Amino acid sequence: MYEFVSGICTLTMAFLLLWQVVPWLYLNLLGPKLFGPKILLKEMGQWALVTGATDGIGKAFVKALAKKGINVILVSRSLAKLKDVSKDIQNEFNVQTKIIAVDFTSGPEIYDVIEKQTADLEVGVLVNNVGMSYANPEYFSTLPDQLKFFDRMMACNVTSVLRMCGLFLPGMVKRRKGVVINVASIYVYLPGPLISVYAASKAFVAKFSDALATEYAGHGITVQSLEPAVTI
């Protein structure tokens, strides 16, 4: 009896392991190589644009794109950090960079600045990475300076994605090629207590991305939503 139960447990564990491993192998290794279309990012356009480009995920995107030989427009609020990252990227990867210092929690005038400074550039890859979360976990009803917080959160996490797509999708449609990557969050799938407004804003990003992906699938444009967990 012991050997029978032990065998059943072993088979169950093996099945559960395969249940987790096989989909991962397909999604990350086998599927893209055997069946998935290869997106040649450098052929999408001469330039990529990354918001929130000086730290974390945004900075990693900048380096990854520059490594492929793509010129990068770095957009963030800190001019000093932008200059440092731009210099490092130019020295390490020998690509062109352009920096635009704007605060995405401010008003709509920043998009006029971005539009003017990118008017003559062929942006084939757009990475909407900029975002803000809570300084500390808070109950919704006790958020300090609530109305100002709502405005800043929506401007940074939601409006930025809408407006940046509005600026650069028309050019991609005209050229019939392009890639848009919108950075959401793992809280798209989790309840997100004590960060409810942040979680809801990222759910919008994911849903909007899914809709755009379907809407522009026939225009040669790839739209993806990235849902990372906590990053340091």
C-alpha atoms as a PDB file:
ATOM      1  CA  MET A   1       0.000   0.000   0.000  1.00  0.00           C
ATOM      2  CA  TYR A   2       2.835   2.401   0.891  1.00  0.00           C
ATOM      3  CA  GLU A   3       4.494   1.864  -2.490  1.00  0.00           C
ATOM      4  CA  PHE A   4       1.182   2.417  -4.288  1.00  0.00           C
ATOM      5  CA  VAL A   5       0.493   5.723  -2.473  1.00  0.00           C
ATOM      6  CA  SER A   6       4.098   6.792  -2.977  1.00  0.00           C
ATOM      7  CA  GLY A   7       3.809   6.081  -6.696  1.00  0.00           C
ATOM      8  CA  ILE A   8       0.567   8.067  -6.956  1.00  0.00           C
ATOM      9  CA  CYS A   9       2.168  11.018  -5.139  1.00  0.00           C
ATOM     10  CA  THR A  10       5.205  10.896  -7.408  1.00  0.00           C
ATOM     11  CA  LEU A  11       3.034  10.827 -10.534  1.00  0.00           C
ATOM     12  CA  THR A  12       0.928  13.690  -9.191  1.00  0.00           C
ATOM     13  CA  MET A  13       3.990  15.824  -8.488  1.00  0.00           C
ATOM     14  CA  ALA A  14       5.439  15.001 -11.919  1.00  0.00           C
ATOM     15  CA  PHE A  15       2.143  15.985 -13.565  1.00  0.00           C
ATOM     16  CA  LEU A  16       1.961  19.269 -11.641  1.00  0.00           C
ATOM     17  CA  LEU A  17       5.571  20.055 -12.530  1.00  0.00           C
ATOM     18  CA  LEU A  18       4.942  19.373 -16.216  1.00  0.00           C
ATOM     19  CA  TRP A  19       1.755  21.447 -16.012  1.00  0.00           C
ATOM     20  CA  GLN A  20       3.882  24.424 -15.007  1.00  0.00           C
ATOM     21  CA  VAL A  21       7.027  23.788 -17.042  1.00  0.00           C
ATOM     22  CA  VAL A  22       5.590  22.833 -20.439  1.00  0.00           C
ATOM     23  CA  PRO A  23       3.557  26.053 -20.929  1.00  0.00           C
ATOM     24  CA  TRP A  24       6.582  28.105 -19.873  1.00  0.00           C
ATOM     25  CA  LEU A  25       8.836  26.277 -22.340  1.00  0.00           C
ATOM     26  CA  TYR A  26       6.323  26.783 -25.114  1.00  0.00           C
ATOM     27  CA  LEU A  27       5.717  30.471 -24.429  1.00  0.00           C
ATOM     28  CA  ASN A  28       9.356  31.393 -23.912  1.00  0.00           C
ATOM     29  CA  LEU A  29      11.372  28.964 -26.043  1.00  0.00           C
ATOM     30  CA  LEU A  30       9.571  26.566 -28.370  1.00  0.00           C
ATOM     31  CA  GLY A  31       6.588  28.645 -29.461  1.00  0.00           C
ATOM     32  CA  PRO A  32       8.455  31.820 -30.505  1.00  0.00           C
ATOM     33  CA  LYS A  33      11.163  29.835 -32.316  1.00  0.00           C
ATOM     34  CA  LEU A  34       8.923  27.352 -34.094  1.00  0.00           C
ATOM     35  CA  PHE A  35       5.691  29.226 -34.723  1.00  0.00           C
ATOM     36  CA  GLY A  36       5.867  32.837 -33.583  1.00  0.00           C
ATOM     37  CA  PRO A  37       6.642  35.687 -35.967  1.00  0.00           C
ATOM     38  CA  LYS A  38      10.017  37.258 -35.355  1.00  0.00           C
ATOM     39  CA  ILE A  39       9.756  40.983 -34.860  1.00  0.00           C
ATOM     40  CA  LEU A  40      12.853  42.735 -36.134  1.00  0.00           C
ATOM     41  CA  LEU A  41      12.704  45.832 -33.985  1.00  0.00           C
ATOM     42  CA  LYS A  42      15.351  47.673 -35.957  1.00  0.00           C
ATOM     43  CA  GLU A  43      13.180  47.430 -39.065  1.00  0.00           C
ATOM     44  CA  MET A  44      10.233  49.105 -37.339  1.00  0.00           C
ATOM     45  CA  GLY A  45      11.847  52.539 -37.522  1.00  0.00           C
ATOM     46  CA  GLN A  46      15.054  54.430 -36.870  1.00  0.00           C
ATOM     47  CA  TRP A  47      14.060  55.433 -33.355  1.00  0.00           C
ATOM     48  CA  ALA A  48      12.534  53.932 -30.224  1.00  0.00           C
ATOM     49  CA  LEU A  49      10.969  56.039 -27.473  1.00  0.00           C
ATOM     50  CA  VAL A  50      10.914  54.993 -23.817  1.00  0.00           C
ATOM     51  CA  THR A  51       9.084  56.877 -21.072  1.00  0.00           C
ATOM     52  CA  GLY A  52      10.376  56.637 -17.515  1.00  0.00           C
ATOM     53  CA  ALA A  53      13.719  55.895 -19.133  1.00  0.00           C
ATOM     54  CA  THR A  54      16.220  56.620 -16.385  1.00  0.00           C
ATOM     55  CA  ASP A  55      15.544  53.852 -13.847  1.00  0.00           C
ATOM     56  CA  GLY A  56      14.390  50.265 -13.475  1.00  0.00           C
ATOM     57  CA  ILE A  57      12.433  48.680 -16.299  1.00  0.00           C
ATOM     58  CA  GLY A  58      12.617  51.785 -18.473  1.00  0.00           C
ATOM     59  CA  LYS A  59      16.401  51.944 -18.292  1.00  0.00           C
ATOM     60  CA  ALA A  60      16.593  48.207 -19.054  1.00  0.00           C
ATOM     61  CA  PHE A  61      14.456  48.757 -22.162  1.00  0.00           C
ATOM     62  CA  VAL A  62      16.713  51.607 -23.258  1.00  0.00           C
ATOM     63  CA  LYS A  63      19.790  49.401 -23.000  1.00  0.00           C
ATOM     64  CA  ALA A  64      18.124  46.451 -24.740  1.00  0.00           C
ATOM     65  CA  LEU A  65      16.975  48.611 -27.655  1.00  0.00           C
ATOM     66  CA  ALA A  66      20.312  50.386 -27.979  1.00  0.00           C
ATOM     67  CA  LYS A  67      22.069  47.020 -27.974  1.00  0.00           C
ATOM     68  CA  LYS A  68      20.104  46.194 -31.126  1.00  0.00           C
ATOM     69  CA  GLY A  69      21.463  49.326 -32.780  1.00  0.00           C
ATOM     70  CA  ILE A  70      18.274  51.384 -32.444  1.00  0.00           C
ATOM     71  CA  ASN A  71      18.477  55.093 -31.670  1.00  0.00           C
ATOM     72  CA  VAL A  72      16.608  55.904 -28.457  1.00  0.00           C
ATOM     73  CA  ILE A  73      14.550  58.856 -27.271  1.00  0.00           C
ATOM     74  CA  LEU A  74      14.655  58.962 -23.480  1.00  0.00           C
ATOM     75  CA  VAL A  75      11.730  60.700 -21.765  1.00  0.00           C
ATOM     76  CA  SER A  76      11.666  61.295 -18.033  1.00  0.00           C
ATOM     77  CA  ARG A  77      11.391  64.122 -15.528  1.00  0.00           C
ATOM     78  CA  SER A  78      14.992  64.353 -14.277  1.00  0.00           C
ATOM     79  CA  LEU A  79      17.225  66.164 -16.755  1.00  0.00           C
ATOM     80  CA  ALA A  80      20.376  65.212 -14.818  1.00  0.00           C
ATOM     81  CA  LYS A  81      19.519  61.492 -14.915  1.00  0.00           C
ATOM     82  CA  LEU A  82      18.563  61.725 -18.582  1.00  0.00           C
ATOM     83  CA  LYS A  83      21.951  63.211 -19.432  1.00  0.00           C
ATOM     84  CA  ASP A  84      23.791  60.500 -17.479  1.00  0.00           C
ATOM     85  CA  VAL A  85      21.877  57.598 -19.040  1.00  0.00           C
ATOM     86  CA  SER A  86      22.119  59.139 -22.502  1.00  0.00           C
ATOM     87  CA  LYS A  87      25.884  59.518 -22.221  1.00  0.00           C
ATOM     88  CA  ASP A  88      26.304  55.939 -20.994  1.00  0.00           C
ATOM     89  CA  ILE A  89      24.152  54.563 -23.812  1.00  0.00           C
ATOM     90  CA  GLN A  90      26.014  56.502 -26.493  1.00  0.00           C
ATOM     91  CA  ASN A  91      29.395  55.369 -25.180  1.00  0.00           C
ATOM     92  CA  GLU A  92      28.442  51.719 -24.732  1.00  0.00           C
ATOM     93  CA  PHE A  93      26.331  51.091 -27.840  1.00  0.00           C
ATOM     94  CA  ASN A  94      27.340  53.832 -30.288  1.00  0.00           C
ATOM     95  CA  VAL A  95      23.773  54.894 -31.091  1.00  0.00           C
ATOM     96  CA  GLN A  96      22.108  58.292 -31.228  1.00  0.00           C
ATOM     97  CA  THR A  97      20.028  59.428 -28.274  1.00  0.00           C
ATOM     98  CA  LYS A  98      17.656  62.291 -27.644  1.00  0.00           C
ATOM     99  CA  ILE A  99      16.430  63.393 -24.235  1.00  0.00           C
ATOM    100  CA  ILE A 100      13.137  65.049 -23.336  1.00  0.00           C
ATOM    101  CA  ALA A 101      12.583  66.181 -19.755  1.00  0.00           C
ATOM    102  CA  VAL A 102       8.888  66.275 -18.824  1.00  0.00           C
ATOM    103  CA  ASP A 103       6.833  65.355 -15.757  1.00  0.00           C
ATOM    104  CA  PHE A 104       3.993  63.001 -16.698  1.00  0.00           C
ATOM    105  CA  THR A 105       2.031  63.953 -13.579  1.00  0.00           C
ATOM    106  CA  SER A 106       1.640  67.491 -14.882  1.00  0.00           C
ATOM    107  CA  GLY A 107      -0.755  68.916 -17.482  1.00  0.00           C
ATOM    108  CA  PRO A 108      -1.398  68.154 -21.172  1.00  0.00           C
ATOM    109  CA  GLU A 109       1.102  70.765 -22.346  1.00  0.00           C
ATOM    110  CA  ILE A 110       3.907  68.215 -22.009  1.00  0.00           C
ATOM    111  CA  TYR A 111       2.587  66.334 -25.033  1.00  0.00           C
ATOM    112  CA  ASP A 112       3.013  69.424 -27.184  1.00  0.00           C
ATOM    113  CA  VAL A 113       6.664  69.450 -26.095  1.00  0.00           C
ATOM    114  CA  ILE A 114       7.124  65.766 -26.942  1.00  0.00           C
ATOM    115  CA  GLU A 115       5.381  66.151 -30.300  1.00  0.00           C
ATOM    116  CA  LYS A 116       7.539  69.106 -31.329  1.00  0.00           C
ATOM    117  CA  GLN A 117      10.791  67.440 -30.297  1.00  0.00           C
ATOM    118  CA  THR A 118      10.014  64.207 -32.149  1.00  0.00           C
ATOM    119  CA  ALA A 119       8.299  65.659 -35.226  1.00  0.00           C
ATOM    120  CA  ASP A 120      11.076  64.697 -37.640  1.00  0.00           C
ATOM    121  CA  LEU A 121      11.905  61.321 -36.088  1.00  0.00           C
ATOM    122  CA  GLU A 122      10.653  57.937 -37.283  1.00  0.00           C
ATOM    123  CA  VAL A 123       9.549  56.261 -34.066  1.00  0.00           C
ATOM    124  CA  GLY A 124       8.983  52.570 -34.717  1.00  0.00           C
ATOM    125  CA  VAL A 125       9.015  51.308 -31.123  1.00  0.00           C
ATOM    126  CA  LEU A 126       7.113  52.975 -28.289  1.00  0.00           C
ATOM    127  CA  VAL A 127       7.562  51.804 -24.699  1.00  0.00           C
ATOM    128  CA  ASN A 128       5.059  53.349 -22.296  1.00  0.00           C
ATOM    129  CA  ASN A 129       6.839  52.538 -19.065  1.00  0.00           C
ATOM    130  CA  VAL A 130       6.393  55.631 -16.897  1.00  0.00           C
ATOM    131  CA  GLY A 131       4.181  55.139 -13.864  1.00  0.00           C
ATOM    132  CA  MET A 132       3.671  55.972 -10.206  1.00  0.00           C
ATOM    133  CA  SER A 133       2.412  53.973  -7.267  1.00  0.00           C
ATOM    134  CA  TYR A 134       1.718  54.663  -3.611  1.00  0.00           C
ATOM    135  CA  ALA A 135       4.354  56.068  -1.280  1.00  0.00           C
ATOM    136  CA  ASN A 136       2.827  53.789   1.376  1.00  0.00           C
ATOM    137  CA  PRO A 137      -0.062  51.284   1.340  1.00  0.00           C
ATOM    138  CA  GLU A 138      -3.260  53.174   2.204  1.00  0.00           C
ATOM    139  CA  TYR A 139      -6.954  52.478   2.577  1.00  0.00           C
ATOM    140  CA  PHE A 140      -8.817  54.173  -0.257  1.00  0.00           C
ATOM    141  CA  SER A 141     -10.949  56.266   2.099  1.00  0.00           C
ATOM    142  CA  THR A 142      -7.953  57.625   4.018  1.00  0.00           C
ATOM    143  CA  LEU A 143      -5.632  58.524   1.143  1.00  0.00           C
ATOM    144  CA  PRO A 144      -3.921  61.815   2.000  1.00  0.00           C
ATOM    145  CA  ASP A 145      -4.640  64.743  -0.328  1.00  0.00           C
ATOM    146  CA  GLN A 146      -6.990  62.440  -2.192  1.00  0.00           C
ATOM    147  CA  LEU A 147      -8.080  64.533  -5.171  1.00  0.00           C
ATOM    148  CA  LYS A 148      -4.556  65.653  -6.035  1.00  0.00           C
ATOM    149  CA  PHE A 149      -3.364  62.049  -5.722  1.00  0.00           C
ATOM    150  CA  PHE A 150      -6.080  60.805  -8.090  1.00  0.00           C
ATOM    151  CA  ASP A 151      -5.204  63.429 -10.687  1.00  0.00           C
ATOM    152  CA  ARG A 152      -1.486  62.660 -10.553  1.00  0.00           C
ATOM    153  CA  MET A 153      -1.993  58.890 -10.648  1.00  0.00           C
ATOM    154  CA  MET A 154      -4.365  58.995 -13.626  1.00  0.00           C
ATOM    155  CA  ALA A 155      -2.185  61.491 -15.497  1.00  0.00           C
ATOM    156  CA  CYS A 156       0.932  59.359 -15.077  1.00  0.00           C
ATOM    157  CA  ASN A 157      -0.459  55.830 -15.381  1.00  0.00           C
ATOM    158  CA  VAL A 158      -3.418  56.218 -17.744  1.00  0.00           C
ATOM    159  CA  THR A 159      -3.331  59.518 -19.644  1.00  0.00           C
ATOM    160  CA  SER A 160       0.342  59.069 -20.545  1.00  0.00           C
ATOM    161  CA  VAL A 161      -0.407  55.776 -22.313  1.00  0.00           C
ATOM    162  CA  LEU A 162      -3.368  57.245 -24.197  1.00  0.00           C
ATOM    163  CA  ARG A 163      -1.589  60.396 -25.271  1.00  0.00           C
ATOM    164  CA  MET A 164       1.691  58.737 -26.278  1.00  0.00           C
ATOM    165  CA  CYS A 165      -0.179  56.163 -28.361  1.00  0.00           C
ATOM    166  CA  GLY A 166      -2.155  59.023 -29.870  1.00  0.00           C
ATOM    167  CA  LEU A 167       1.079  60.754 -30.867  1.00  0.00           C
ATOM    168  CA  PHE A 168       2.923  57.815 -32.410  1.00  0.00           C
ATOM    169  CA  LEU A 169       0.385  55.255 -33.623  1.00  0.00           C
ATOM    170  CA  PRO A 170      -0.655  57.342 -36.673  1.00  0.00           C
ATOM    171  CA  GLY A 171       2.909  57.248 -38.014  1.00  0.00           C
ATOM    172  CA  MET A 172       3.100  53.497 -37.466  1.00  0.00           C
ATOM    173  CA  VAL A 173      -0.211  53.018 -39.248  1.00  0.00           C
ATOM    174  CA  LYS A 174       1.022  55.094 -42.173  1.00  0.00           C
ATOM    175  CA  ARG A 175       4.212  53.006 -42.445  1.00  0.00           C
ATOM    176  CA  ARG A 176       2.268  49.802 -41.678  1.00  0.00           C
ATOM    177  CA  LYS A 177       4.753  48.686 -39.051  1.00  0.00           C
ATOM    178  CA  GLY A 178       5.538  49.372 -35.422  1.00  0.00           C
ATOM    179  CA  VAL A 179       5.664  48.016 -31.878  1.00  0.00           C
ATOM    180  CA  VAL A 180       3.952  49.404 -28.782  1.00  0.00           C
ATOM    181  CA  ILE A 181       4.802  47.997 -25.355  1.00  0.00           C
ATOM    182  CA  ASN A 182       2.703  49.221 -22.434  1.00  0.00           C
ATOM    183  CA  VAL A 183       3.968  48.385 -18.960  1.00  0.00           C
ATOM    184  CA  ALA A 184       1.126  47.352 -16.651  1.00  0.00           C
ATOM    185  CA  SER A 185       1.580  45.289 -13.469  1.00  0.00           C
ATOM    186  CA  ILE A 186       1.020  41.880 -11.931  1.00  0.00           C
ATOM    187  CA  TYR A 187      -1.807  43.598 -10.036  1.00  0.00           C
ATOM    188  CA  VAL A 188      -3.827  43.270 -13.220  1.00  0.00           C
ATOM    189  CA  TYR A 189      -4.402  39.716 -11.920  1.00  0.00           C
ATOM    190  CA  LEU A 190      -4.343  40.345  -8.155  1.00  0.00           C
ATOM    191  CA  PRO A 191      -6.847  42.250  -5.987  1.00  0.00           C
ATOM    192  CA  GLY A 192      -4.360  44.969  -4.978  1.00  0.00           C
ATOM    193  CA  PRO A 193      -5.704  45.934  -1.543  1.00  0.00           C
ATOM    194  CA  LEU A 194      -4.268  49.164  -0.116  1.00  0.00           C
ATOM    195  CA  ILE A 195      -3.061  50.169  -3.597  1.00  0.00           C
ATOM    196  CA  SER A 196      -6.503  50.049  -5.214  1.00  0.00           C
ATOM    197  CA  VAL A 197      -6.137  53.087  -7.484  1.00  0.00           C
ATOM    198  CA  TYR A 198      -2.748  51.933  -8.768  1.00  0.00           C
ATOM    199  CA  ALA A 199      -4.058  48.410  -9.449  1.00  0.00           C
ATOM    200  CA  ALA A 200      -7.094  49.788 -11.289  1.00  0.00           C
ATOM    201  CA  SER A 201      -4.963  52.116 -13.406  1.00  0.00           C
ATOM    202  CA  LYS A 202      -2.772  49.208 -14.499  1.00  0.00           C
ATOM    203  CA  ALA A 203      -5.839  47.109 -15.314  1.00  0.00           C
ATOM    204  CA  PHE A 204      -6.803  49.887 -17.715  1.00  0.00           C
ATOM    205  CA  VAL A 205      -3.373  49.691 -19.371  1.00  0.00           C
ATOM    206  CA  ALA A 206      -3.688  45.938 -19.883  1.00  0.00           C
ATOM    207  CA  LYS A 207      -7.238  46.128 -21.276  1.00  0.00           C
ATOM    208  CA  PHE A 208      -6.384  49.050 -23.546  1.00  0.00           C
ATOM    209  CA  SER A 209      -3.365  47.138 -24.848  1.00  0.00           C
ATOM    210  CA  ASP A 210      -5.456  44.049 -25.610  1.00  0.00           C
ATOM    211  CA  ALA A 211      -7.979  46.160 -27.496  1.00  0.00           C
ATOM    212  CA  LEU A 212      -5.306  47.986 -29.509  1.00  0.00           C
ATOM    213  CA  ALA A 213      -3.562  44.714 -30.339  1.00  0.00           C
ATOM    214  CA  THR A 214      -6.748  43.437 -31.970  1.00  0.00           C
ATOM    215  CA  GLU A 215      -7.631  46.778 -33.518  1.00  0.00           C
ATOM    216  CA  TYR A 216      -4.284  47.186 -35.286  1.00  0.00           C
ATOM    217  CA  ALA A 217      -3.367  43.549 -35.958  1.00  0.00           C
ATOM    218  CA  GLY A 218      -4.105  44.070 -39.642  1.00  0.00           C
ATOM    219  CA  HIS A 219      -1.947  47.187 -39.849  1.00  0.00           C
ATOM    220  CA  GLY A 220       1.393  45.511 -39.183  1.00  0.00           C
ATOM    221  CA  ILE A 221       1.530  46.849 -35.619  1.00  0.00           C
ATOM    222  CA  THR A 222       2.260  44.718 -32.553  1.00  0.00           C
ATOM    223  CA  VAL A 223       0.854  45.912 -29.226  1.00  0.00           C
ATOM    224  CA  GLN A 224       1.890  44.170 -26.027  1.00  0.00           C
ATOM    225  CA  SER A 225       1.162  44.593 -22.342  1.00  0.00           C
ATOM    226  CA  LEU A 226       3.878  43.730 -19.828  1.00  0.00           C
ATOM    227  CA  GLU A 227       2.756  42.719 -16.332  1.00  0.00           C
ATOM    228  CA  PRO A 228       5.837  42.642 -14.079  1.00  0.00           C
ATOM    229  CA  ALA A 229       5.858  41.973 -10.357  1.00  0.00           C
ATOM    230  CA  VAL A 230       7.812  44.063  -7.860  1.00  0.00           C
ATOM    231  CA  THR A 231      11.089  45.354  -9.288  1.00  0.00           C
ATOM    232  CA  ILE A 232      14.064  46.803  -7.459  1.00  0.00           C
END
